[in-house]
PDB file of N, CA and C in Angstrom:
ATOM      1  N   MET A   1       0.816  -1.190   0.001  1.00  0.00           N
ATOM      2  CA  MET A   1       0.003   0.006   0.001  1.00  0.00           C
ATOM      3  C   MET A   1       0.864   1.251  -0.001  1.00  0.00           C
ATOM      4  N   GLY A   2       1.894   1.290   0.829  1.00  0.00           N
ATOM      5  CA  GLY A   2       2.773   2.447   0.869  1.00  0.00           C
ATOM      6  C   GLY A   2       2.131   3.633   1.555  1.00  0.00           C
ATOM      7  N   ILE A   3       2.664   4.797   1.274  1.00  0.00           N
ATOM      8  CA  ILE A   3       2.185   6.031   1.882  1.00  0.00           C
ATOM      9  C   ILE A   3       1.056   6.604   1.035  1.00  0.00           C
ATOM     10  N   ILE A   4       0.000   7.044   1.694  1.00  0.00           N
ATOM     11  CA  ILE A   4      -1.144   7.625   1.008  1.00  0.00           C
ATOM     12  C   ILE A   4      -1.115   9.133   1.223  1.00  0.00           C
ATOM     13  N   LYS A   5      -1.264   9.875   0.130  1.00  0.00           N
ATOM     14  CA  LYS A   5      -1.374  11.333   0.227  1.00  0.00           C
ATOM     15  C   LYS A   5      -2.840  11.660   0.477  1.00  0.00           C
ATOM     16  N   VAL A   6      -3.116  12.282   1.618  1.00  0.00           N
ATOM     17  CA  VAL A   6      -4.475  12.565   2.023  1.00  0.00           C
ATOM     18  C   VAL A   6      -4.829  14.014   1.697  1.00  0.00           C
ATOM     19  N   THR A   7      -6.040  14.205   1.257  1.00  0.00           N
ATOM     20  CA  THR A   7      -6.559  15.542   0.977  1.00  0.00           C
ATOM     21  C   THR A   7      -7.698  15.828   1.952  1.00  0.00           C
ATOM     22  N   GLY A   8      -8.169  17.052   1.931  1.00  0.00           N
ATOM     23  CA  GLY A   8      -9.298  17.401   2.785  1.00  0.00           C
ATOM     24  C   GLY A   8     -10.507  16.532   2.502  1.00  0.00           C
ATOM     25  N   SER A   9     -10.721  16.202   1.221  1.00  0.00           N
ATOM     26  CA  SER A   9     -11.903  15.406   0.862  1.00  0.00           C
ATOM     27  C   SER A   9     -11.724  13.915   1.146  1.00  0.00           C
ATOM     28  N   SER A  10     -10.488  13.428   1.208  1.00  0.00           N
ATOM     29  CA  SER A  10     -10.280  12.001   1.464  1.00  0.00           C
ATOM     30  C   SER A  10      -9.963  11.704   2.931  1.00  0.00           C
ATOM     31  N   PHE A  11      -9.807  12.759   3.741  1.00  0.00           N
ATOM     32  CA  PHE A  11      -9.371  12.589   5.123  1.00  0.00           C
ATOM     33  C   PHE A  11     -10.298  11.687   5.945  1.00  0.00           C
ATOM     34  N   GLU A  12     -11.583  11.925   5.850  1.00  0.00           N
ATOM     35  CA  GLU A  12     -12.522  11.133   6.655  1.00  0.00           C
ATOM     36  C   GLU A  12     -12.415   9.651   6.324  1.00  0.00           C
ATOM     37  N   GLN A  13     -12.428   9.327   5.035  1.00  0.00           N
ATOM     38  CA  GLN A  13     -12.363   7.919   4.619  1.00  0.00           C
ATOM     39  C   GLN A  13     -10.995   7.305   4.923  1.00  0.00           C
ATOM     40  N   ASP A  14      -9.918   8.022   4.568  1.00  0.00           N
ATOM     41  CA  ASP A  14      -8.570   7.457   4.709  1.00  0.00           C
ATOM     42  C   ASP A  14      -8.071   7.407   6.150  1.00  0.00           C
ATOM     43  N   VAL A  15      -8.520   8.325   6.986  1.00  0.00           N
ATOM     44  CA  VAL A  15      -7.991   8.420   8.354  1.00  0.00           C
ATOM     45  C   VAL A  15      -9.036   8.080   9.401  1.00  0.00           C
ATOM     46  N   LEU A  16     -10.118   8.824   9.423  1.00  0.00           N
ATOM     47  CA  LEU A  16     -11.098   8.661  10.495  1.00  0.00           C
ATOM     48  C   LEU A  16     -11.849   7.328  10.438  1.00  0.00           C
ATOM     49  N   LYS A  17     -12.058   6.800   9.236  1.00  0.00           N
ATOM     50  CA  LYS A  17     -12.794   5.538   9.090  1.00  0.00           C
ATOM     51  C   LYS A  17     -11.879   4.351   8.796  1.00  0.00           C
ATOM     52  N   ALA A  18     -10.586   4.495   9.010  1.00  0.00           N
ATOM     53  CA  ALA A  18      -9.624   3.428   8.704  1.00  0.00           C
ATOM     54  C   ALA A  18      -9.853   2.227   9.625  1.00  0.00           C
ATOM     55  N   ASP A  19      -9.603   1.050   9.067  1.00  0.00           N
ATOM     56  CA  ASP A  19      -9.738  -0.203   9.820  1.00  0.00           C
ATOM     57  C   ASP A  19      -8.552  -0.463  10.737  1.00  0.00           C
ATOM     58  N   THR A  20      -7.455   0.213  10.476  1.00  0.00           N
ATOM     59  CA  THR A  20      -6.229   0.016  11.245  1.00  0.00           C
ATOM     60  C   THR A  20      -5.817   1.353  11.857  1.00  0.00           C
ATOM     61  N   PRO A  21      -4.888   1.344  12.798  1.00  0.00           N
ATOM     62  CA  PRO A  21      -4.341   2.622  13.271  1.00  0.00           C
ATOM     63  C   PRO A  21      -3.717   3.383  12.106  1.00  0.00           C
ATOM     64  N   VAL A  22      -3.676   4.704  12.218  1.00  0.00           N
ATOM     65  CA  VAL A  22      -3.134   5.558  11.159  1.00  0.00           C
ATOM     66  C   VAL A  22      -2.034   6.436  11.730  1.00  0.00           C
ATOM     67  N   LEU A  23      -0.899   6.457  11.039  1.00  0.00           N
ATOM     68  CA  LEU A  23       0.179   7.390  11.340  1.00  0.00           C
ATOM     69  C   LEU A  23       0.096   8.493  10.301  1.00  0.00           C
ATOM     70  N   ALA A  24      -0.248   9.699  10.741  1.00  0.00           N
ATOM     71  CA  ALA A  24      -0.390  10.837   9.834  1.00  0.00           C
ATOM     72  C   ALA A  24       0.799  11.786  10.002  1.00  0.00           C
ATOM     73  N   ASP A  25       1.475  12.047   8.895  1.00  0.00           N
ATOM     74  CA  ASP A  25       2.620  12.962   8.860  1.00  0.00           C
ATOM     75  C   ASP A  25       2.129  14.283   8.273  1.00  0.00           C
ATOM     76  N   LEU A  26       2.012  15.307   9.116  1.00  0.00           N
ATOM     77  CA  LEU A  26       1.631  16.629   8.651  1.00  0.00           C
ATOM     78  C   LEU A  26       2.914  17.403   8.373  1.00  0.00           C
ATOM     79  N   TRP A  27       3.090  17.831   7.138  1.00  0.00           N
ATOM     80  CA  TRP A  27       4.370  18.353   6.681  1.00  0.00           C
ATOM     81  C   TRP A  27       4.156  19.430   5.617  1.00  0.00           C
ATOM     82  N   ALA A  28       5.257  20.012   5.151  1.00  0.00           N
ATOM     83  CA  ALA A  28       5.254  20.957   4.028  1.00  0.00           C
ATOM     84  C   ALA A  28       6.557  20.784   3.254  1.00  0.00           C
ATOM     85  N   PRO A  29       6.527  20.992   1.944  1.00  0.00           N
ATOM     86  CA  PRO A  29       7.713  20.760   1.121  1.00  0.00           C
ATOM     87  C   PRO A  29       8.882  21.709   1.413  1.00  0.00           C
ATOM     88  N   TRP A  30       8.639  22.841   2.034  1.00  0.00           N
ATOM     89  CA  TRP A  30       9.698  23.806   2.350  1.00  0.00           C
ATOM     90  C   TRP A  30      10.347  23.553   3.705  1.00  0.00           C
ATOM     91  N   CYS A  31       9.853  22.572   4.448  1.00  0.00           N
ATOM     92  CA  CYS A  31      10.296  22.298   5.818  1.00  0.00           C
ATOM     93  C   CYS A  31      11.449  21.289   5.816  1.00  0.00           C
ATOM     94  N   GLY A  32      12.655  21.756   6.190  1.00  0.00           N
ATOM     95  CA  GLY A  32      13.825  20.870   6.216  1.00  0.00           C
ATOM     96  C   GLY A  32      13.662  19.649   7.088  1.00  0.00           C
ATOM     97  N   PRO A  33      13.232  19.792   8.350  1.00  0.00           N
ATOM     98  CA  PRO A  33      13.035  18.615   9.190  1.00  0.00           C
ATOM     99  C   PRO A  33      11.986  17.646   8.627  1.00  0.00           C
ATOM    100  N   CYS A  34      10.971  18.198   7.944  1.00  0.00           N
ATOM    101  CA  CYS A  34       9.948  17.335   7.319  1.00  0.00           C
ATOM    102  C   CYS A  34      10.586  16.454   6.239  1.00  0.00           C
ATOM    103  N   ILE A  35      11.426  17.053   5.423  1.00  0.00           N
ATOM    104  CA  ILE A  35      12.117  16.318   4.355  1.00  0.00           C
ATOM    105  C   ILE A  35      13.039  15.263   4.970  1.00  0.00           C
ATOM    106  N   ALA A  36      13.737  15.638   6.041  1.00  0.00           N
ATOM    107  CA  ALA A  36      14.653  14.704   6.706  1.00  0.00           C
ATOM    108  C   ALA A  36      13.902  13.519   7.312  1.00  0.00           C
ATOM    109  N   LEU A  37      12.667  13.742   7.749  1.00  0.00           N
ATOM    110  CA  LEU A  37      11.869  12.669   8.350  1.00  0.00           C
ATOM    111  C   LEU A  37      11.275  11.737   7.297  1.00  0.00           C
ATOM    112  N   GLY A  38      11.212  12.187   6.061  1.00  0.00           N
ATOM    113  CA  GLY A  38      10.598  11.416   4.967  1.00  0.00           C
ATOM    114  C   GLY A  38      11.057   9.975   4.854  1.00  0.00           C
ATOM    115  N   PRO A  39      12.379   9.702   4.808  1.00  0.00           N
ATOM    116  CA  PRO A  39      12.821   8.315   4.688  1.00  0.00           C
ATOM    117  C   PRO A  39      12.380   7.433   5.870  1.00  0.00           C
ATOM    118  N   THR A  40      12.314   7.996   7.058  1.00  0.00           N
ATOM    119  CA  THR A  40      11.848   7.242   8.221  1.00  0.00           C
ATOM    120  C   THR A  40      10.376   6.884   8.063  1.00  0.00           C
ATOM    121  N   ILE A  41       9.582   7.819   7.577  1.00  0.00           N
ATOM    122  CA  ILE A  41       8.153   7.560   7.352  1.00  0.00           C
ATOM    123  C   ILE A  41       7.984   6.467   6.311  1.00  0.00           C
ATOM    124  N   GLU A  42       8.809   6.505   5.252  1.00  0.00           N
ATOM    125  CA  GLU A  42       8.755   5.464   4.217  1.00  0.00           C
ATOM    126  C   GLU A  42       9.104   4.097   4.801  1.00  0.00           C
ATOM    127  N   GLU A  43      10.131   4.039   5.649  1.00  0.00           N
ATOM    128  CA  GLU A  43      10.503   2.769   6.297  1.00  0.00           C
ATOM    129  C   GLU A  43       9.358   2.238   7.155  1.00  0.00           C
ATOM    130  N   LEU A  44       8.735   3.117   7.915  1.00  0.00           N
ATOM    131  CA  LEU A  44       7.622   2.695   8.762  1.00  0.00           C
ATOM    132  C   LEU A  44       6.465   2.170   7.931  1.00  0.00           C
ATOM    133  N   ALA A  45       6.197   2.801   6.791  1.00  0.00           N
ATOM    134  CA  ALA A  45       5.117   2.350   5.913  1.00  0.00           C
ATOM    135  C   ALA A  45       5.386   0.926   5.428  1.00  0.00           C
ATOM    136  N   LYS A  46       6.651   0.616   5.128  1.00  0.00           N
ATOM    137  CA  LYS A  46       7.017  -0.741   4.691  1.00  0.00           C
ATOM    138  C   LYS A  46       6.984  -1.726   5.849  1.00  0.00           C
ATOM    139  N   ASP A  47       7.576  -1.322   6.985  1.00  0.00           N
ATOM    140  CA  ASP A  47       7.673  -2.210   8.145  1.00  0.00           C
ATOM    141  C   ASP A  47       6.310  -2.594   8.701  1.00  0.00           C
ATOM    142  N   TYR A  48       5.350  -1.690   8.633  1.00  0.00           N
ATOM    143  CA  TYR A  48       4.040  -1.927   9.260  1.00  0.00           C
ATOM    144  C   TYR A  48       2.908  -2.062   8.248  1.00  0.00           C
ATOM    145  N   GLU A  49       3.276  -2.392   7.008  1.00  0.00           N
ATOM    146  CA  GLU A  49       2.267  -2.554   5.958  1.00  0.00           C
ATOM    147  C   GLU A  49       1.218  -3.583   6.386  1.00  0.00           C
ATOM    148  N   GLY A  50      -0.041  -3.220   6.243  1.00  0.00           N
ATOM    149  CA  GLY A  50      -1.139  -4.097   6.641  1.00  0.00           C
ATOM    150  C   GLY A  50      -1.530  -3.967   8.108  1.00  0.00           C
ATOM    151  N   LYS A  51      -0.669  -3.328   8.906  1.00  0.00           N
ATOM    152  CA  LYS A  51      -0.955  -3.160  10.340  1.00  0.00           C
ATOM    153  C   LYS A  51      -1.250  -1.715  10.696  1.00  0.00           C
ATOM    154  N   VAL A  52      -0.559  -0.790  10.002  1.00  0.00           N
ATOM    155  CA  VAL A  52      -0.732   0.644  10.236  1.00  0.00           C
ATOM    156  C   VAL A  52      -0.803   1.336   8.883  1.00  0.00           C
ATOM    157  N   LYS A  53      -1.801   2.184   8.713  1.00  0.00           N
ATOM    158  CA  LYS A  53      -1.893   2.977   7.492  1.00  0.00           C
ATOM    159  C   LYS A  53      -1.055   4.236   7.703  1.00  0.00           C
ATOM    160  N   VAL A  54      -0.177   4.522   6.757  1.00  0.00           N
ATOM    161  CA  VAL A  54       0.687   5.704   6.845  1.00  0.00           C
ATOM    162  C   VAL A  54       0.237   6.711   5.796  1.00  0.00           C
ATOM    163  N   VAL A  55      -0.057   7.927   6.269  1.00  0.00           N
ATOM    164  CA  VAL A  55      -0.534   8.967   5.361  1.00  0.00           C
ATOM    165  C   VAL A  55       0.303  10.230   5.533  1.00  0.00           C
ATOM    166  N   LYS A  56       0.364  11.019   4.461  1.00  0.00           N
ATOM    167  CA  LYS A  56       1.034  12.327   4.497  1.00  0.00           C
ATOM    168  C   LYS A  56       0.005  13.382   4.145  1.00  0.00           C
ATOM    169  N   ILE A  57       0.046  14.482   4.915  1.00  0.00           N
ATOM    170  CA  ILE A  57      -0.863  15.594   4.692  1.00  0.00           C
ATOM    171  C   ILE A  57      -0.026  16.857   4.524  1.00  0.00           C
ATOM    172  N   ASN A  58      -0.071  17.426   3.335  1.00  0.00           N
ATOM    173  CA  ASN A  58       0.643  18.661   3.046  1.00  0.00           C
ATOM    174  C   ASN A  58      -0.182  19.815   3.609  1.00  0.00           C
ATOM    175  N   ILE A  59       0.340  20.453   4.666  1.00  0.00           N
ATOM    176  CA  ILE A  59      -0.463  21.491   5.329  1.00  0.00           C
ATOM    177  C   ILE A  59      -0.583  22.768   4.502  1.00  0.00           C
ATOM    178  N   ASP A  60       0.289  22.972   3.521  1.00  0.00           N
ATOM    179  CA  ASP A  60       0.139  24.124   2.635  1.00  0.00           C
ATOM    180  C   ASP A  60      -1.087  23.938   1.739  1.00  0.00           C
ATOM    181  N   GLU A  61      -1.322  22.696   1.312  1.00  0.00           N
ATOM    182  CA  GLU A  61      -2.454  22.385   0.433  1.00  0.00           C
ATOM    183  C   GLU A  61      -3.745  22.176   1.219  1.00  0.00           C
ATOM    184  N   HIS A  62      -3.621  21.775   2.495  1.00  0.00           N
ATOM    185  CA  HIS A  62      -4.804  21.465   3.313  1.00  0.00           C
ATOM    186  C   HIS A  62      -4.680  22.076   4.713  1.00  0.00           C
ATOM    187  N   PRO A  63      -4.623  23.419   4.770  1.00  0.00           N
ATOM    188  CA  PRO A  63      -4.445  24.080   6.061  1.00  0.00           C
ATOM    189  C   PRO A  63      -5.592  23.828   7.042  1.00  0.00           C
ATOM    190  N   GLU A  64      -6.752  23.494   6.513  1.00  0.00           N
ATOM    191  CA  GLU A  64      -7.901  23.226   7.393  1.00  0.00           C
ATOM    192  C   GLU A  64      -7.647  22.017   8.298  1.00  0.00           C
ATOM    193  N   LEU A  65      -6.862  21.056   7.807  1.00  0.00           N
ATOM    194  CA  LEU A  65      -6.559  19.880   8.637  1.00  0.00           C
ATOM    195  C   LEU A  65      -5.546  20.231   9.721  1.00  0.00           C
ATOM    196  N   ALA A  66      -4.595  21.094   9.396  1.00  0.00           N
ATOM    197  CA  ALA A  66      -3.636  21.548  10.407  1.00  0.00           C
ATOM    198  C   ALA A  66      -4.362  22.335  11.499  1.00  0.00           C
ATOM    199  N   THR A  67      -5.290  23.175  11.088  1.00  0.00           N
ATOM    200  CA  THR A  67      -6.055  23.964  12.044  1.00  0.00           C
ATOM    201  C   THR A  67      -6.934  23.058  12.913  1.00  0.00           C
ATOM    202  N   ARG A  68      -7.570  22.103  12.290  1.00  0.00           N
ATOM    203  CA  ARG A  68      -8.472  21.174  13.001  1.00  0.00           C
ATOM    204  C   ARG A  68      -7.770  20.457  14.148  1.00  0.00           C
ATOM    205  N   TYR A  69      -6.479  20.126  13.949  1.00  0.00           N
ATOM    206  CA  TYR A  69      -5.725  19.384  14.957  1.00  0.00           C
ATOM    207  C   TYR A  69      -4.681  20.254  15.674  1.00  0.00           C
ATOM    208  N   SER A  70      -4.864  21.565  15.601  1.00  0.00           N
ATOM    209  CA  SER A  70      -4.035  22.537  16.332  1.00  0.00           C
ATOM    210  C   SER A  70      -2.538  22.341  16.099  1.00  0.00           C
ATOM    211  N   VAL A  71      -2.168  22.093  14.849  1.00  0.00           N
ATOM    212  CA  VAL A  71      -0.767  21.908  14.500  1.00  0.00           C
ATOM    213  C   VAL A  71      -0.090  23.269  14.444  1.00  0.00           C
ATOM    214  N   MET A  72       0.889  23.467  15.319  1.00  0.00           N
ATOM    215  CA  MET A  72       1.604  24.735  15.396  1.00  0.00           C
ATOM    216  C   MET A  72       3.012  24.647  14.823  1.00  0.00           C
ATOM    217  N   SER A  73       3.582  23.439  14.817  1.00  0.00           N
ATOM    218  CA  SER A  73       4.930  23.196  14.296  1.00  0.00           C
ATOM    219  C   SER A  73       4.912  21.950  13.437  1.00  0.00           C
ATOM    220  N   ILE A  74       5.786  21.944  12.442  1.00  0.00           N
ATOM    221  CA  ILE A  74       5.907  20.748  11.616  1.00  0.00           C
ATOM    222  C   ILE A  74       7.368  20.322  11.577  1.00  0.00           C
ATOM    223  N   PRO A  75       7.631  19.047  11.371  1.00  0.00           N
ATOM    224  CA  PRO A  75       6.640  17.997  11.185  1.00  0.00           C
ATOM    225  C   PRO A  75       5.894  17.660  12.477  1.00  0.00           C
ATOM    226  N   THR A  76       4.625  17.346  12.318  1.00  0.00           N
ATOM    227  CA  THR A  76       3.819  16.802  13.405  1.00  0.00           C
ATOM    228  C   THR A  76       3.316  15.443  12.959  1.00  0.00           C
ATOM    229  N   LEU A  77       3.503  14.460  13.812  1.00  0.00           N
ATOM    230  CA  LEU A  77       2.982  13.118  13.564  1.00  0.00           C
ATOM    231  C   LEU A  77       1.822  12.876  14.513  1.00  0.00           C
ATOM    232  N   LEU A  78       0.694  12.462  13.962  1.00  0.00           N
ATOM    233  CA  LEU A  78      -0.464  12.125  14.764  1.00  0.00           C
ATOM    234  C   LEU A  78      -0.769  10.650  14.566  1.00  0.00           C
ATOM    235  N   VAL A  79      -1.044   9.959  15.641  1.00  0.00           N
ATOM    236  CA  VAL A  79      -1.484   8.566  15.570  1.00  0.00           C
ATOM    237  C   VAL A  79      -2.975   8.564  15.849  1.00  0.00           C
ATOM    238  N   PHE A  80      -3.730   8.049  14.885  1.00  0.00           N
ATOM    239  CA  PHE A  80      -5.177   7.926  15.029  1.00  0.00           C
ATOM    240  C   PHE A  80      -5.516   6.460  15.284  1.00  0.00           C
ATOM    241  N   ASN A  81      -6.444   6.225  16.193  1.00  0.00           N
ATOM    242  CA  ASN A  81      -6.973   4.888  16.430  1.00  0.00           C
ATOM    243  C   ASN A  81      -8.484   5.029  16.563  1.00  0.00           C
ATOM    244  N   LYS A  82      -9.204   4.346  15.694  1.00  0.00           N
ATOM    245  CA  LYS A  82     -10.673   4.400  15.681  1.00  0.00           C
ATOM    246  C   LYS A  82     -11.176   5.839  15.544  1.00  0.00           C
ATOM    247  N   GLY A  83     -10.498   6.611  14.700  1.00  0.00           N
ATOM    248  CA  GLY A  83     -10.946   7.961  14.389  1.00  0.00           C
ATOM    249  C   GLY A  83     -10.540   9.044  15.377  1.00  0.00           C
ATOM    250  N   GLU A  84      -9.809   8.668  16.429  1.00  0.00           N
ATOM    251  CA  GLU A  84      -9.394   9.632  17.441  1.00  0.00           C
ATOM    252  C   GLU A  84      -7.876   9.764  17.485  1.00  0.00           C
ATOM    253  N   VAL A  85      -7.379  10.975  17.749  1.00  0.00           N
ATOM    254  CA  VAL A  85      -5.942  11.154  17.939  1.00  0.00           C
ATOM    255  C   VAL A  85      -5.583  10.574  19.301  1.00  0.00           C
ATOM    256  N   VAL A  86      -4.641   9.623  19.303  1.00  0.00           N
ATOM    257  CA  VAL A  86      -4.236   8.972  20.552  1.00  0.00           C
ATOM    258  C   VAL A  86      -2.797   9.293  20.936  1.00  0.00           C
ATOM    259  N   GLU A  87      -2.005   9.753  19.967  1.00  0.00           N
ATOM    260  CA  GLU A  87      -0.610  10.102  20.221  1.00  0.00           C
ATOM    261  C   GLU A  87      -0.219  11.250  19.298  1.00  0.00           C
ATOM    262  N   GLN A  88       0.778  12.033  19.735  1.00  0.00           N
ATOM    263  CA  GLN A  88       1.289  13.134  18.916  1.00  0.00           C
ATOM    264  C   GLN A  88       2.788  13.267  19.153  1.00  0.00           C
ATOM    265  N   LEU A  89       3.525  13.459  18.084  1.00  0.00           N
ATOM    266  CA  LEU A  89       4.964  13.721  18.136  1.00  0.00           C
ATOM    267  C   LEU A  89       5.236  14.951  17.291  1.00  0.00           C
ATOM    268  N   ILE A  90       6.106  15.829  17.781  1.00  0.00           N
ATOM    269  CA  ILE A  90       6.430  17.041  17.044  1.00  0.00           C
ATOM    270  C   ILE A  90       7.935  17.104  16.814  1.00  0.00           C
ATOM    271  N   GLY A  91       8.307  17.417  15.576  1.00  0.00           N
ATOM    272  CA  GLY A  91       9.718  17.586  15.250  1.00  0.00           C
ATOM    273  C   GLY A  91      10.317  16.342  14.610  1.00  0.00           C
ATOM    274  N   LEU A  92      11.607  16.419  14.392  1.00  0.00           N
ATOM    275  CA  LEU A  92      12.363  15.338  13.775  1.00  0.00           C
ATOM    276  C   LEU A  92      12.686  14.315  14.855  1.00  0.00           C
ATOM    277  N   VAL A  93      11.898  13.259  14.923  1.00  0.00           N
ATOM    278  CA  VAL A  93      12.039  12.266  15.987  1.00  0.00           C
ATOM    279  C   VAL A  93      12.570  10.953  15.412  1.00  0.00           C
ATOM    280  N   PRO A  94      13.296  10.177  16.229  1.00  0.00           N
ATOM    281  CA  PRO A  94      13.847   8.911  15.738  1.00  0.00           C
ATOM    282  C   PRO A  94      12.758   7.863  15.519  1.00  0.00           C
ATOM    283  N   LYS A  95      13.079   6.937  14.634  1.00  0.00           N
ATOM    284  CA  LYS A  95      12.146   5.863  14.278  1.00  0.00           C
ATOM    285  C   LYS A  95      11.667   5.092  15.505  1.00  0.00           C
ATOM    286  N   ALA A  96      12.564   4.780  16.421  1.00  0.00           N
ATOM    287  CA  ALA A  96      12.190   4.002  17.608  1.00  0.00           C
ATOM    288  C   ALA A  96      11.130   4.714  18.441  1.00  0.00           C
ATOM    289  N   ARG A  97      11.219   6.022  18.518  1.00  0.00           N
ATOM    290  CA  ARG A  97      10.234   6.782  19.292  1.00  0.00           C
ATOM    291  C   ARG A  97       8.858   6.746  18.623  1.00  0.00           C
ATOM    292  N   ILE A  98       8.851   6.798  17.302  1.00  0.00           N
ATOM    293  CA  ILE A  98       7.580   6.712  16.557  1.00  0.00           C
ATOM    294  C   ILE A  98       6.981   5.319  16.747  1.00  0.00           C
ATOM    295  N   GLU A  99       7.822   4.300  16.617  1.00  0.00           N
ATOM    296  CA  GLU A  99       7.342   2.921  16.791  1.00  0.00           C
ATOM    297  C   GLU A  99       6.741   2.717  18.177  1.00  0.00           C
ATOM    298  N   ALA A 100       7.361   3.302  19.185  1.00  0.00           N
ATOM    299  CA  ALA A 100       6.854   3.175  20.562  1.00  0.00           C
ATOM    300  C   ALA A 100       5.452   3.772  20.693  1.00  0.00           C
ATOM    301  N   LYS A 101       5.154   4.766  19.875  1.00  0.00           N
ATOM    302  CA  LYS A 101       3.831   5.416  19.920  1.00  0.00           C
ATOM    303  C   LYS A 101       2.766   4.632  19.158  1.00  0.00           C
ATOM    304  N   ILE A 102       3.173   3.891  18.115  1.00  0.00           N
ATOM    305  CA  ILE A 102       2.170   3.178  17.313  1.00  0.00           C
ATOM    306  C   ILE A 102       1.939   1.742  17.766  1.00  0.00           C
ATOM    307  N   LYS A 103       2.948   1.106  18.335  1.00  0.00           N
ATOM    308  CA  LYS A 103       2.844  -0.321  18.698  1.00  0.00           C
ATOM    309  C   LYS A 103       1.682  -0.658  19.636  1.00  0.00           C
ATOM    310  N   PRO A 104       1.366   0.183  20.627  1.00  0.00           N
ATOM    311  CA  PRO A 104       0.253  -0.173  21.520  1.00  0.00           C
ATOM    312  C   PRO A 104      -1.098  -0.318  20.804  1.00  0.00           C
ATOM    313  N   TYR A 105      -1.220   0.217  19.605  1.00  0.00           N
ATOM    314  CA  TYR A 105      -2.508   0.230  18.902  1.00  0.00           C
ATOM    315  C   TYR A 105      -2.606  -0.830  17.811  1.00  0.00           C
ATOM    316  N   ILE A 106      -1.549  -1.590  17.635  1.00  0.00           N
ATOM    317  CA  ILE A 106      -1.552  -2.614  16.577  1.00  0.00           C
ATOM    318  C   ILE A 106      -2.214  -3.869  17.096  1.00  0.00           C
TER     319      ILE A 106
END
């Protein structure tokens, strides 16, 4: 499945109604730490394929989603479980820390 690019119109179906936990990466193309986190997000998408849905949300294209979840800094990672935000990480964080946040929901 890989990483899914989510839009405002696909957010409800792709994230809120997902059958599995969702790791959402809220980012922007001009953000250096966001770009640096990209390969880690790709690894997580491969490592947890079928167990966790990994999505990317470009906050420049979909600012309403950033506002909805009070995103003040990027990158922000949100873990959704059954349509609710259950975990949040802000900044360039190591893979192990992200895994520690998603594993309880698998």
